[in-house]
Amino acid sequence: MDEKDIKKIEEVFQHHMGILSENFQHKLDIVVEGHQLLSEKIDHVKTELSQEIECVERKLDAIAADLKAHREDTEVHKKVYKVKEE
């Protein structure tokens, strides 16, 4: 093999390495894009769940306040209201 053949082999090798590098970079870009989309979806679901949890907490607080008021009212009127267990 002479130097001309070696240079040709190096050029072909560099060309193939360039193609492989571009292919790898393209696939890596697709993976990164997928992760970004997943991150956005997770953030969206997190926001929705937080809102739902806040709504449930408000409802529970309202029910607890109603129950407390009802208990206080029945304790004030013990002679009128009685819970009888059989």
C-alpha atoms as a PDB file:
ATOM      1  CA  MET A   1       0.000   0.000   0.000  1.00  0.00           C
ATOM      2  CA  ASP A   2       1.295   3.356  -0.839  1.00  0.00           C
ATOM      3  CA  GLU A   3       0.558   6.694   0.789  1.00  0.00           C
ATOM      4  CA  LYS A   4      -2.192   7.488  -1.752  1.00  0.00           C
ATOM      5  CA  ASP A   5      -4.127   4.345  -0.775  1.00  0.00           C
ATOM      6  CA  ILE A   6      -3.717   5.120   2.911  1.00  0.00           C
ATOM      7  CA  LYS A   7      -5.065   8.656   2.391  1.00  0.00           C
ATOM      8  CA  LYS A   8      -8.053   7.258   0.477  1.00  0.00           C
ATOM      9  CA  ILE A   9      -8.767   4.785   3.268  1.00  0.00           C
ATOM     10  CA  GLU A  10      -8.503   7.603   5.843  1.00  0.00           C
ATOM     11  CA  GLU A  11     -10.925   9.744   3.809  1.00  0.00           C
ATOM     12  CA  VAL A  12     -13.434   6.911   3.528  1.00  0.00           C
ATOM     13  CA  PHE A  13     -13.043   6.180   7.249  1.00  0.00           C
ATOM     14  CA  GLN A  14     -13.549   9.866   8.161  1.00  0.00           C
ATOM     15  CA  HIS A  15     -16.604  10.012   5.902  1.00  0.00           C
ATOM     16  CA  HIS A  16     -18.149   6.959   7.581  1.00  0.00           C
ATOM     17  CA  MET A  17     -17.322   8.342  11.030  1.00  0.00           C
ATOM     18  CA  GLY A  18     -19.035  11.609  10.083  1.00  0.00           C
ATOM     19  CA  ILE A  19     -22.159   9.749   8.969  1.00  0.00           C
ATOM     20  CA  LEU A  20     -22.205   7.676  12.174  1.00  0.00           C
ATOM     21  CA  SER A  21     -21.680  10.796  14.273  1.00  0.00           C
ATOM     22  CA  GLU A  22     -24.584  12.599  12.572  1.00  0.00           C
ATOM     23  CA  ASN A  23     -26.803   9.543  12.980  1.00  0.00           C
ATOM     24  CA  PHE A  24     -25.942   9.267  16.661  1.00  0.00           C
ATOM     25  CA  GLN A  25     -26.540  12.997  17.205  1.00  0.00           C
ATOM     26  CA  HIS A  26     -29.923  12.749  15.475  1.00  0.00           C
ATOM     27  CA  LYS A  27     -30.978   9.881  17.727  1.00  0.00           C
ATOM     28  CA  LEU A  28     -29.719  11.716  20.783  1.00  0.00           C
ATOM     29  CA  ASP A  29     -31.744  14.791  19.769  1.00  0.00           C
ATOM     30  CA  ILE A  30     -34.864  12.606  19.523  1.00  0.00           C
ATOM     31  CA  VAL A  31     -34.260  11.216  23.021  1.00  0.00           C
ATOM     32  CA  VAL A  32     -33.748  14.719  24.445  1.00  0.00           C
ATOM     33  CA  GLU A  33     -36.941  15.940  22.775  1.00  0.00           C
ATOM     34  CA  GLY A  34     -38.840  12.991  24.244  1.00  0.00           C
ATOM     35  CA  HIS A  35     -37.555  13.774  27.718  1.00  0.00           C
ATOM     36  CA  GLN A  36     -38.577  17.413  27.365  1.00  0.00           C
ATOM     37  CA  LEU A  37     -42.101  16.386  26.334  1.00  0.00           C
ATOM     38  CA  LEU A  38     -42.350  13.972  29.242  1.00  0.00           C
ATOM     39  CA  SER A  39     -41.160  16.658  31.643  1.00  0.00           C
ATOM     40  CA  GLU A  40     -43.816  19.057  30.381  1.00  0.00           C
ATOM     41  CA  LYS A  41     -46.524  16.400  30.735  1.00  0.00           C
ATOM     42  CA  ILE A  42     -45.390  15.552  34.262  1.00  0.00           C
ATOM     43  CA  ASP A  43     -45.485  19.243  35.221  1.00  0.00           C
ATOM     44  CA  HIS A  44     -48.992  19.544  33.757  1.00  0.00           C
ATOM     45  CA  VAL A  45     -50.247  16.485  35.649  1.00  0.00           C
ATOM     46  CA  LYS A  46     -48.588  17.749  38.839  1.00  0.00           C
ATOM     47  CA  THR A  47     -50.400  21.071  38.506  1.00  0.00           C
ATOM     48  CA  GLU A  48     -53.741  19.378  37.872  1.00  0.00           C
ATOM     49  CA  LEU A  49     -53.303  17.019  40.826  1.00  0.00           C
ATOM     50  CA  SER A  50     -52.325  19.884  43.114  1.00  0.00           C
ATOM     51  CA  GLN A  51     -55.497  21.734  42.145  1.00  0.00           C
ATOM     52  CA  GLU A  52     -57.616  18.633  42.725  1.00  0.00           C
ATOM     53  CA  ILE A  53     -56.008  18.011  46.118  1.00  0.00           C
ATOM     54  CA  GLU A  54     -56.627  21.621  47.147  1.00  0.00           C
ATOM     55  CA  CYS A  55     -60.285  21.249  46.153  1.00  0.00           C
ATOM     56  CA  VAL A  56     -60.649  18.055  48.206  1.00  0.00           C
ATOM     57  CA  GLU A  57     -58.921  19.702  51.185  1.00  0.00           C
ATOM     58  CA  ARG A  58     -61.331  22.654  51.022  1.00  0.00           C
ATOM     59  CA  LYS A  59     -64.293  20.277  50.923  1.00  0.00           C
ATOM     60  CA  LEU A  60     -62.948  18.300  53.876  1.00  0.00           C
ATOM     61  CA  ASP A  61     -62.392  21.513  55.827  1.00  0.00           C
ATOM     62  CA  ALA A  62     -65.972  22.592  55.097  1.00  0.00           C
ATOM     63  CA  ILE A  63     -67.332  19.202  56.188  1.00  0.00           C
ATOM     64  CA  ALA A  64     -65.224  19.305  59.359  1.00  0.00           C
ATOM     65  CA  ALA A  65     -66.496  22.800  60.152  1.00  0.00           C
ATOM     66  CA  ASP A  66     -70.112  21.691  59.581  1.00  0.00           C
ATOM     67  CA  LEU A  67     -69.594  18.641  61.791  1.00  0.00           C
ATOM     68  CA  LYS A  68     -68.008  20.738  64.521  1.00  0.00           C
ATOM     69  CA  ALA A  69     -70.892  23.224  64.422  1.00  0.00           C
ATOM     70  CA  HIS A  70     -73.402  20.372  64.539  1.00  0.00           C
ATOM     71  CA  ARG A  71     -71.660  18.778  67.538  1.00  0.00           C
ATOM     72  CA  GLU A  72     -71.515  22.084  69.388  1.00  0.00           C
ATOM     73  CA  ASP A  73     -75.197  22.651  68.693  1.00  0.00           C
ATOM     74  CA  THR A  74     -76.203  19.201  69.933  1.00  0.00           C
ATOM     75  CA  GLU A  75     -74.044  19.554  73.051  1.00  0.00           C
ATOM     76  CA  VAL A  76     -75.755  22.845  73.910  1.00  0.00           C
ATOM     77  CA  HIS A  77     -79.168  21.219  73.571  1.00  0.00           C
ATOM     78  CA  LYS A  78     -78.471  17.950  75.374  1.00  0.00           C
ATOM     79  CA  LYS A  79     -81.979  17.717  76.787  1.00  0.00           C
ATOM     80  CA  VAL A  80     -83.562  18.019  73.359  1.00  0.00           C
ATOM     81  CA  TYR A  81     -81.166  15.895  71.294  1.00  0.00           C
ATOM     82  CA  LYS A  82     -80.009  12.507  72.439  1.00  0.00           C
ATOM     83  CA  VAL A  83     -78.302   9.748  70.571  1.00  0.00           C
ATOM     84  CA  LYS A  84     -79.678   6.454  71.655  1.00  0.00           C
ATOM     85  CA  GLU A  85     -77.829   3.238  71.019  1.00  0.00           C
ATOM     86  CA  GLU A  86     -79.759   0.006  71.100  1.00  0.00           C
END
